[in-house]
N, C-alpha and C. Protein backbone atom coordinates (compact mmCIF):
# COMPACT_ATOMS: atom_id res chain seq x y z
N MET A 1 164.33 215.71 5.51
CA MET A 1 165.94 215.58 5.56
C MET A 1 166.13 214.31 6.18
N PRO A 2 165.58 213.99 7.14
CA PRO A 2 165.66 212.51 7.81
C PRO A 2 165.46 211.61 6.63
N ALA A 3 164.38 211.48 5.82
CA ALA A 3 164.15 210.57 4.97
C ALA A 3 165.16 210.67 3.66
N LEU A 4 165.83 211.65 3.59
CA LEU A 4 167.01 211.56 2.51
C LEU A 4 167.90 210.91 3.13
N LEU A 5 168.29 211.02 4.40
CA LEU A 5 169.57 210.20 4.99
C LEU A 5 169.37 208.91 5.12
N SER A 6 168.05 208.61 5.44
CA SER A 6 167.73 207.15 5.09
C SER A 6 167.99 206.44 3.77
N VAL A 7 167.39 207.26 3.06
CA VAL A 7 167.70 206.69 1.38
C VAL A 7 169.03 206.55 1.25
N ALA A 8 170.16 207.61 1.84
CA ALA A 8 171.35 207.66 1.50
C ALA A 8 172.06 206.43 2.19
N SER A 9 171.73 206.17 3.13
CA SER A 9 172.30 205.32 4.12
C SER A 9 172.19 203.87 3.39
N ARG A 10 171.01 203.60 2.76
CA ARG A 10 170.52 202.43 2.10
C ARG A 10 171.17 202.16 1.05
N LEU A 11 171.67 203.27 0.24
CA LEU A 11 172.31 203.28 -0.98
C LEU A 11 173.81 202.71 -0.52
N LEU A 12 174.32 203.16 0.41
CA LEU A 12 175.56 202.79 0.57
C LEU A 12 175.56 201.30 0.88
N LEU A 13 174.70 200.67 1.46
CA LEU A 13 174.67 199.32 1.56
C LEU A 13 174.67 198.38 0.12
N LEU A 14 174.33 198.98 -0.98
CA LEU A 14 174.40 198.23 -2.18
C LEU A 14 175.80 197.99 -2.70
N PRO A 15 175.77 196.98 -3.51
CA PRO A 15 177.35 196.76 -3.77
C PRO A 15 177.65 197.58 -5.05
N ARG A 16 178.84 197.89 -5.14
CA ARG A 16 179.45 198.75 -5.82
C ARG A 16 179.18 198.48 -7.25
N ALA A 17 179.23 197.19 -7.64
CA ALA A 17 178.96 196.68 -9.05
C ALA A 17 177.50 197.34 -9.50
N LEU A 18 176.48 197.12 -8.42
CA LEU A 18 175.50 197.38 -8.89
C LEU A 18 175.09 198.93 -8.93
N LEU A 19 175.76 199.68 -8.21
CA LEU A 19 175.63 201.32 -8.39
C LEU A 19 176.43 201.66 -9.71
N SER A 20 177.56 201.08 -10.26
CA SER A 20 178.12 201.45 -11.53
C SER A 20 177.11 201.20 -12.43
N MET A 21 176.40 199.95 -12.46
CA MET A 21 175.36 199.80 -13.48
C MET A 21 174.41 200.66 -13.74
N ALA A 22 173.88 201.18 -12.36
CA ALA A 22 172.81 202.04 -12.35
C ALA A 22 173.19 203.38 -12.93
N SER A 23 174.65 203.77 -12.59
CA SER A 23 175.11 204.94 -13.08
C SER A 23 175.38 204.88 -14.29
N GLY A 24 175.60 203.58 -15.13
CA GLY A 24 176.16 203.63 -16.50
C GLY A 24 177.34 203.24 -16.61
N SER A 25 178.19 203.44 -15.51
CA SER A 25 179.71 203.50 -15.75
C SER A 25 179.86 201.73 -15.63
N PRO A 26 181.21 201.37 -16.14
CA PRO A 26 181.44 199.98 -16.10
C PRO A 26 181.90 199.89 -14.75
N PRO A 27 181.92 198.40 -13.99
CA PRO A 27 182.18 198.15 -12.80
C PRO A 27 183.66 197.93 -12.82
N PRO A 28 184.35 198.25 -11.70
CA PRO A 28 186.10 198.33 -12.09
C PRO A 28 186.55 197.05 -12.12
N GLN A 29 187.31 196.90 -13.03
CA GLN A 29 188.24 195.71 -13.76
C GLN A 29 189.35 195.41 -12.93
N PRO A 30 189.60 194.13 -12.80
CA PRO A 30 191.04 193.65 -11.84
C PRO A 30 191.92 194.21 -12.87
N SER A 31 193.19 194.80 -12.05
CA SER A 31 194.46 195.33 -12.71
C SER A 31 195.15 193.96 -12.84
N ALA A 32 195.95 194.56 -13.96
CA ALA A 32 197.14 193.26 -14.33
C ALA A 32 197.93 192.97 -12.96
N ALA A 33 198.06 194.12 -12.10
CA ALA A 33 198.85 193.60 -11.07
C ALA A 33 198.09 193.34 -9.71
N SER A 34 197.16 192.32 -9.91
CA SER A 34 196.28 191.89 -8.97
C SER A 34 197.06 190.77 -8.27
N ASP A 35 196.29 190.35 -7.28
CA ASP A 35 197.07 189.44 -6.36
C ASP A 35 197.66 188.11 -7.07
N SER A 36 196.81 187.67 -8.10
CA SER A 36 197.17 186.51 -8.87
C SER A 36 198.47 186.70 -9.79
N GLY A 37 198.49 188.00 -10.11
CA GLY A 37 199.55 188.47 -11.05
C GLY A 37 199.17 188.10 -12.41
N TYR A 38 198.02 187.41 -12.98
CA TYR A 38 197.51 187.15 -14.25
C TYR A 38 197.21 188.45 -14.71
N VAL A 39 197.47 188.65 -16.12
CA VAL A 39 197.18 189.61 -16.88
C VAL A 39 195.93 189.30 -17.86
N PRO A 40 194.59 189.60 -17.51
CA PRO A 40 193.65 189.37 -18.29
C PRO A 40 193.75 189.28 -19.75
N GLY A 41 193.42 188.28 -20.43
CA GLY A 41 193.40 188.08 -21.75
C GLY A 41 194.87 187.59 -22.32
N SER A 42 195.78 187.30 -21.44
CA SER A 42 197.18 186.74 -21.93
C SER A 42 196.72 185.17 -22.05
N VAL A 43 195.83 184.61 -21.81
CA VAL A 43 196.04 183.18 -22.00
C VAL A 43 194.43 183.30 -23.06
N SER A 44 194.45 182.44 -23.86
CA SER A 44 193.24 181.88 -24.79
C SER A 44 192.80 180.73 -25.04
N ALA A 45 191.39 180.40 -24.96
CA ALA A 45 191.11 179.32 -25.41
C ALA A 45 190.47 179.09 -26.78
N ALA A 46 191.42 178.36 -27.52
CA ALA A 46 191.28 178.23 -29.28
C ALA A 46 190.21 177.33 -29.37
N PHE A 47 189.36 177.21 -30.42
CA PHE A 47 188.35 176.10 -30.69
C PHE A 47 188.63 176.11 -32.23
N VAL A 48 188.77 174.58 -32.48
CA VAL A 48 188.95 173.84 -33.58
C VAL A 48 188.33 172.47 -33.88
N THR A 49 187.36 172.63 -34.91
CA THR A 49 186.73 171.27 -35.33
C THR A 49 187.33 170.70 -36.36
N CYS A 50 187.14 169.25 -35.91
CA CYS A 50 187.94 168.26 -36.91
C CYS A 50 186.92 167.27 -37.17
N PRO A 51 187.16 166.60 -38.38
CA PRO A 51 186.45 165.67 -39.00
C PRO A 51 186.05 164.34 -37.99
N ASN A 52 187.11 163.85 -37.36
CA ASN A 52 186.97 162.87 -36.73
C ASN A 52 188.03 162.52 -35.58
N GLU A 53 187.89 161.86 -34.60
CA GLU A 53 188.85 161.64 -33.45
C GLU A 53 190.54 161.42 -33.83
N LYS A 54 190.48 160.79 -34.96
CA LYS A 54 191.61 160.40 -35.28
C LYS A 54 192.70 161.64 -35.58
N VAL A 55 191.92 162.50 -36.55
CA VAL A 55 192.64 163.67 -36.86
C VAL A 55 192.67 164.83 -35.80
N ALA A 56 191.98 164.94 -34.84
CA ALA A 56 191.77 165.81 -33.79
C ALA A 56 192.83 165.14 -32.76
N LYS A 57 193.11 164.16 -32.70
CA LYS A 57 194.07 163.51 -31.67
C LYS A 57 195.49 163.95 -32.26
N GLU A 58 195.75 163.49 -33.63
CA GLU A 58 196.90 164.13 -34.17
C GLU A 58 197.10 165.48 -34.12
N ILE A 59 196.38 166.43 -34.47
CA ILE A 59 196.71 167.66 -34.14
C ILE A 59 197.01 168.13 -32.63
N ALA A 60 195.93 167.59 -31.79
CA ALA A 60 196.22 168.00 -30.66
C ALA A 60 197.69 167.45 -30.01
N ARG A 61 197.95 166.33 -30.33
CA ARG A 61 199.20 165.99 -29.88
C ARG A 61 200.30 166.64 -30.37
N ALA A 62 200.37 167.31 -31.54
CA ALA A 62 201.38 168.03 -32.37
C ALA A 62 201.42 169.29 -31.95
N VAL A 63 200.46 169.95 -31.53
CA VAL A 63 200.36 171.47 -30.82
C VAL A 63 200.99 171.40 -29.49
N VAL A 64 200.55 170.14 -28.68
CA VAL A 64 201.28 170.10 -27.35
C VAL A 64 202.79 169.92 -27.43
N GLU A 65 202.82 169.24 -28.57
CA GLU A 65 204.50 168.71 -28.48
C GLU A 65 205.31 169.89 -28.92
N LYS A 66 204.57 170.57 -29.73
CA LYS A 66 205.52 171.93 -30.38
C LYS A 66 205.30 173.08 -29.36
N ARG A 67 204.68 172.75 -28.11
CA ARG A 67 204.12 173.89 -27.14
C ARG A 67 203.46 174.88 -27.63
N LEU A 68 202.79 174.93 -28.59
CA LEU A 68 201.78 175.92 -29.20
C LEU A 68 200.72 175.97 -28.21
N ALA A 69 200.41 174.86 -27.43
CA ALA A 69 199.51 174.71 -26.55
C ALA A 69 199.73 173.94 -25.48
N ALA A 70 199.10 174.38 -24.13
CA ALA A 70 199.39 173.67 -22.97
C ALA A 70 198.49 172.49 -22.70
N CYS A 71 197.53 172.33 -23.29
CA CYS A 71 196.51 171.41 -23.16
C CYS A 71 195.43 171.47 -24.30
N VAL A 72 195.19 170.43 -24.52
CA VAL A 72 194.12 170.43 -25.54
C VAL A 72 192.96 169.45 -25.07
N ASN A 73 191.50 169.64 -25.27
CA ASN A 73 190.53 168.82 -24.74
C ASN A 73 189.64 168.50 -26.06
N LEU A 74 189.32 167.45 -26.27
CA LEU A 74 188.80 166.75 -27.23
C LEU A 74 187.17 166.47 -26.95
N ILE A 75 186.31 166.94 -27.28
CA ILE A 75 184.80 166.58 -27.24
C ILE A 75 184.13 166.05 -28.20
N PRO A 76 183.83 164.90 -28.38
CA PRO A 76 183.48 164.12 -29.29
C PRO A 76 182.10 164.30 -29.42
N GLN A 77 181.69 164.06 -30.99
CA GLN A 77 180.18 163.73 -31.22
C GLN A 77 179.53 165.10 -31.06
N ILE A 78 179.96 165.93 -31.67
CA ILE A 78 179.43 167.21 -31.57
C ILE A 78 178.65 167.57 -33.10
N THR A 79 177.51 167.85 -33.53
CA THR A 79 176.91 167.98 -34.53
C THR A 79 177.42 169.33 -35.15
N SER A 80 177.58 169.70 -36.35
CA SER A 80 177.71 171.06 -36.93
C SER A 80 176.84 171.00 -38.16
N ILE A 81 176.20 172.23 -38.07
CA ILE A 81 175.16 172.81 -39.21
C ILE A 81 175.66 174.18 -39.64
N TYR A 82 176.20 173.99 -40.92
CA TYR A 82 176.74 175.14 -41.54
C TYR A 82 176.26 175.61 -43.05
N GLU A 83 176.37 176.51 -43.48
CA GLU A 83 176.33 176.52 -44.88
C GLU A 83 177.65 176.72 -45.74
N TRP A 84 177.78 175.78 -46.60
CA TRP A 84 178.95 175.75 -47.64
C TRP A 84 178.70 175.62 -49.07
N LYS A 85 179.44 176.45 -49.70
CA LYS A 85 179.08 176.58 -51.14
C LYS A 85 177.61 176.59 -51.49
N GLY A 86 177.08 177.19 -50.80
CA GLY A 86 175.38 177.37 -50.95
C GLY A 86 174.79 176.39 -50.67
N LYS A 87 175.02 175.59 -50.08
CA LYS A 87 174.15 174.33 -49.26
C LYS A 87 174.22 174.15 -47.78
N ILE A 88 173.19 173.92 -47.44
CA ILE A 88 173.28 173.62 -45.91
C ILE A 88 173.77 172.29 -45.46
N GLU A 89 174.83 172.12 -44.58
CA GLU A 89 175.44 170.89 -44.42
C GLU A 89 175.24 170.61 -42.72
N GLU A 90 175.46 169.33 -42.64
CA GLU A 90 175.28 168.87 -41.31
C GLU A 90 176.27 167.71 -41.05
N ASP A 91 177.39 167.87 -40.26
CA ASP A 91 178.45 166.73 -40.03
C ASP A 91 178.34 166.46 -38.55
N SER A 92 178.83 165.37 -38.33
CA SER A 92 179.58 164.78 -37.09
C SER A 92 181.04 165.19 -36.94
N GLU A 93 181.28 166.07 -35.75
CA GLU A 93 182.81 166.55 -35.90
C GLU A 93 183.27 166.37 -34.42
N VAL A 94 184.31 166.68 -34.38
CA VAL A 94 184.90 166.39 -32.88
C VAL A 94 185.81 167.91 -32.59
N LEU A 95 185.41 168.61 -31.50
CA LEU A 95 185.83 169.85 -31.14
C LEU A 95 186.55 169.78 -30.27
N MET A 96 187.92 170.50 -30.67
CA MET A 96 189.23 170.95 -29.81
C MET A 96 189.11 172.21 -29.28
N MET A 97 189.33 171.94 -27.90
CA MET A 97 189.51 173.21 -27.01
C MET A 97 190.97 173.39 -26.67
N ILE A 98 191.50 174.27 -27.21
CA ILE A 98 193.21 174.55 -26.92
C ILE A 98 193.37 175.71 -26.05
N LYS A 99 194.20 175.45 -25.02
CA LYS A 99 194.51 176.51 -24.08
C LYS A 99 196.03 176.78 -24.36
N THR A 100 196.24 177.85 -24.54
CA THR A 100 197.36 178.90 -24.89
C THR A 100 197.62 179.99 -24.66
N ARG A 101 198.93 180.61 -24.86
CA ARG A 101 199.07 182.09 -24.72
C ARG A 101 198.36 182.92 -25.95
N SER A 102 197.85 183.71 -25.50
CA SER A 102 197.00 184.80 -26.66
C SER A 102 198.18 185.05 -27.67
N SER A 103 199.42 185.29 -27.30
CA SER A 103 200.19 185.74 -28.33
C SER A 103 200.95 184.68 -29.17
N LEU A 104 200.39 183.25 -28.63
CA LEU A 104 200.96 182.38 -29.73
C LEU A 104 199.57 181.64 -30.89
N VAL A 105 198.51 182.56 -30.77
CA VAL A 105 197.40 182.14 -31.47
C VAL A 105 197.57 182.42 -32.89
N PRO A 106 198.31 183.32 -33.38
CA PRO A 106 198.72 183.26 -34.89
C PRO A 106 199.58 182.12 -35.30
N ALA A 107 200.42 181.50 -34.60
CA ALA A 107 201.40 180.34 -35.06
C ALA A 107 200.55 179.17 -34.78
N LEU A 108 199.57 178.94 -33.74
CA LEU A 108 198.94 177.97 -33.64
C LEU A 108 198.01 178.04 -35.09
N THR A 109 197.32 178.96 -35.22
CA THR A 109 196.30 179.06 -36.53
C THR A 109 197.32 178.70 -37.83
N ASP A 110 198.29 179.18 -38.04
CA ASP A 110 199.28 178.85 -39.15
C ASP A 110 199.24 177.31 -39.28
N PHE A 111 199.69 176.93 -38.00
CA PHE A 111 199.98 175.33 -38.02
C PHE A 111 198.88 174.46 -38.15
N VAL A 112 197.71 174.75 -37.44
CA VAL A 112 196.52 174.00 -37.51
C VAL A 112 196.08 174.00 -39.18
N ARG A 113 196.27 175.41 -39.94
CA ARG A 113 195.77 175.24 -41.22
C ARG A 113 196.76 174.46 -42.17
N SER A 114 197.96 174.24 -41.73
CA SER A 114 198.99 173.75 -42.68
C SER A 114 198.51 172.20 -42.34
N VAL A 115 198.11 171.62 -41.49
CA VAL A 115 197.92 170.09 -41.17
C VAL A 115 196.47 169.53 -41.25
N HIS A 116 195.64 170.47 -41.38
CA HIS A 116 194.29 170.24 -41.22
C HIS A 116 193.69 169.87 -42.64
N PRO A 117 192.72 168.96 -42.57
CA PRO A 117 192.35 168.36 -43.78
C PRO A 117 191.18 169.22 -44.66
N TYR A 118 190.37 169.98 -43.96
CA TYR A 118 189.61 171.11 -44.33
C TYR A 118 190.21 171.99 -45.08
N GLU A 119 189.43 172.09 -46.36
CA GLU A 119 189.62 173.41 -47.13
C GLU A 119 189.74 174.72 -46.20
N VAL A 120 188.79 175.06 -45.44
CA VAL A 120 188.93 176.12 -44.43
C VAL A 120 188.65 175.50 -43.04
N ALA A 121 189.79 175.39 -42.40
CA ALA A 121 189.77 175.14 -40.91
C ALA A 121 189.31 176.15 -40.02
N GLU A 122 188.47 175.68 -39.12
CA GLU A 122 188.00 176.71 -38.20
C GLU A 122 188.96 176.90 -36.94
N VAL A 123 189.53 178.02 -36.78
CA VAL A 123 190.39 178.15 -35.70
C VAL A 123 189.90 179.65 -35.14
N ILE A 124 189.20 179.48 -34.09
CA ILE A 124 188.92 180.76 -33.37
C ILE A 124 189.26 180.86 -31.88
N ALA A 125 189.53 182.20 -31.43
CA ALA A 125 190.08 182.04 -30.03
C ALA A 125 189.58 183.01 -29.34
N LEU A 126 189.14 182.69 -27.96
CA LEU A 126 188.72 183.78 -27.11
C LEU A 126 189.78 183.97 -25.96
N PRO A 127 189.84 185.12 -25.65
CA PRO A 127 190.74 185.38 -24.45
C PRO A 127 190.05 185.29 -23.02
N VAL A 128 190.71 184.68 -22.23
CA VAL A 128 190.63 184.30 -20.84
C VAL A 128 190.66 185.22 -19.98
N GLU A 129 189.49 186.15 -19.42
CA GLU A 129 189.57 187.17 -18.48
C GLU A 129 190.06 186.91 -17.33
N GLN A 130 189.32 185.81 -16.73
CA GLN A 130 189.72 185.09 -15.42
C GLN A 130 189.78 183.70 -15.21
N GLY A 131 190.31 183.10 -14.31
CA GLY A 131 190.14 181.66 -14.02
C GLY A 131 190.88 181.37 -12.86
N ASN A 132 191.44 179.82 -12.77
CA ASN A 132 192.49 179.62 -11.68
C ASN A 132 193.69 180.02 -11.93
N SER A 133 194.09 180.98 -10.95
CA SER A 133 195.27 181.41 -11.25
C SER A 133 196.54 180.39 -11.35
N PRO A 134 196.76 179.34 -10.58
CA PRO A 134 197.73 178.18 -10.77
C PRO A 134 197.80 177.64 -12.23
N TYR A 135 196.58 177.65 -12.72
CA TYR A 135 196.13 176.83 -14.04
C TYR A 135 196.80 177.64 -14.97
N LEU A 136 196.36 178.99 -14.95
CA LEU A 136 196.75 180.27 -16.08
C LEU A 136 198.18 180.38 -16.05
N HIS A 137 198.67 180.36 -14.68
CA HIS A 137 200.25 180.35 -14.80
C HIS A 137 200.82 179.18 -15.47
N TRP A 138 200.32 177.87 -15.14
CA TRP A 138 200.84 176.68 -15.93
C TRP A 138 200.63 176.71 -17.32
N VAL A 139 199.84 177.24 -17.96
CA VAL A 139 199.75 177.53 -19.35
C VAL A 139 200.67 178.44 -19.72
N HIS A 140 200.89 179.33 -19.19
CA HIS A 140 202.38 180.43 -19.55
C HIS A 140 203.62 179.40 -19.55
N GLN A 141 203.77 178.78 -18.32
CA GLN A 141 204.98 178.15 -18.43
C GLN A 141 205.18 176.79 -19.27
N VAL A 142 204.18 176.19 -19.59
CA VAL A 142 204.43 174.94 -20.49
C VAL A 142 204.60 175.79 -21.80
N THR A 143 204.15 177.02 -22.26
CA THR A 143 204.40 177.60 -23.35
C THR A 143 205.54 178.40 -23.67
N GLU A 144 206.07 178.57 -22.62
CA GLU A 144 207.10 179.49 -22.58
C GLU A 144 208.31 179.57 -23.39
N SER A 145 208.82 178.06 -23.60
CA SER A 145 209.88 178.00 -24.44
C SER A 145 209.65 178.29 -25.99
N VAL A 146 208.44 178.34 -26.89
CA VAL A 146 208.04 178.81 -27.92
C VAL A 146 207.92 180.45 -27.74
N PHE A 147 207.15 180.73 -26.76
CA PHE A 147 206.99 182.24 -26.66
C PHE A 147 208.40 183.09 -26.43
N ASN A 148 209.62 182.46 -25.91
CA ASN A 148 210.95 182.93 -25.83
C ASN A 148 211.66 182.56 -26.93
N SER A 149 211.41 181.86 -27.86
CA SER A 149 211.98 181.15 -28.84
C SER A 149 212.16 182.13 -30.13
N ASN A 150 213.19 182.37 -30.74
CA ASN A 150 213.21 183.26 -31.94
C ASN A 150 213.43 182.62 -33.19
N THR A 151 213.19 181.01 -32.87
CA THR A 151 213.40 180.24 -34.26
C THR A 151 211.90 180.23 -34.90
N ALA A 152 211.82 180.05 -36.15
CA ALA A 152 210.51 180.31 -37.19
C ALA A 152 210.09 178.78 -36.50
N LEU A 153 208.49 178.98 -36.49
CA LEU A 153 207.51 177.61 -36.18
C LEU A 153 207.20 177.11 -37.43
N PRO A 154 207.16 176.07 -37.60
CA PRO A 154 206.75 175.01 -38.93
C PRO A 154 205.35 175.32 -39.36
């Protein structure tokens, strides 16, 4: 019996996440009402590739001006290798990393599609589960006027 107590006391020292992994149950998730007040997934990072910096800057400025995004980072000189119309292609592109409210991703996608030179524009978005709370709140604040607007977006 003392050996069993020794094992049990050592198990109590393991982190909760490790125990939940061992048991097969998921670790506890932060609630929406956590200290930061951030609702996980309410901000997204959207990715768009462009043929050059000029196009990327034009689209980036437009989405920020329209408040479809709080911030756009341009990552120059990426190489994209993909299949298009049965042929393997390789192109130099600029990657846009766009931070916005997740609820604005459909409007952002529609706008990008309307101005993008590609036949099929890449617009993919990933929800942000965690991050710097003041930054995430800033994204919400900057995009708030579009979020609360009842007017149709171009």
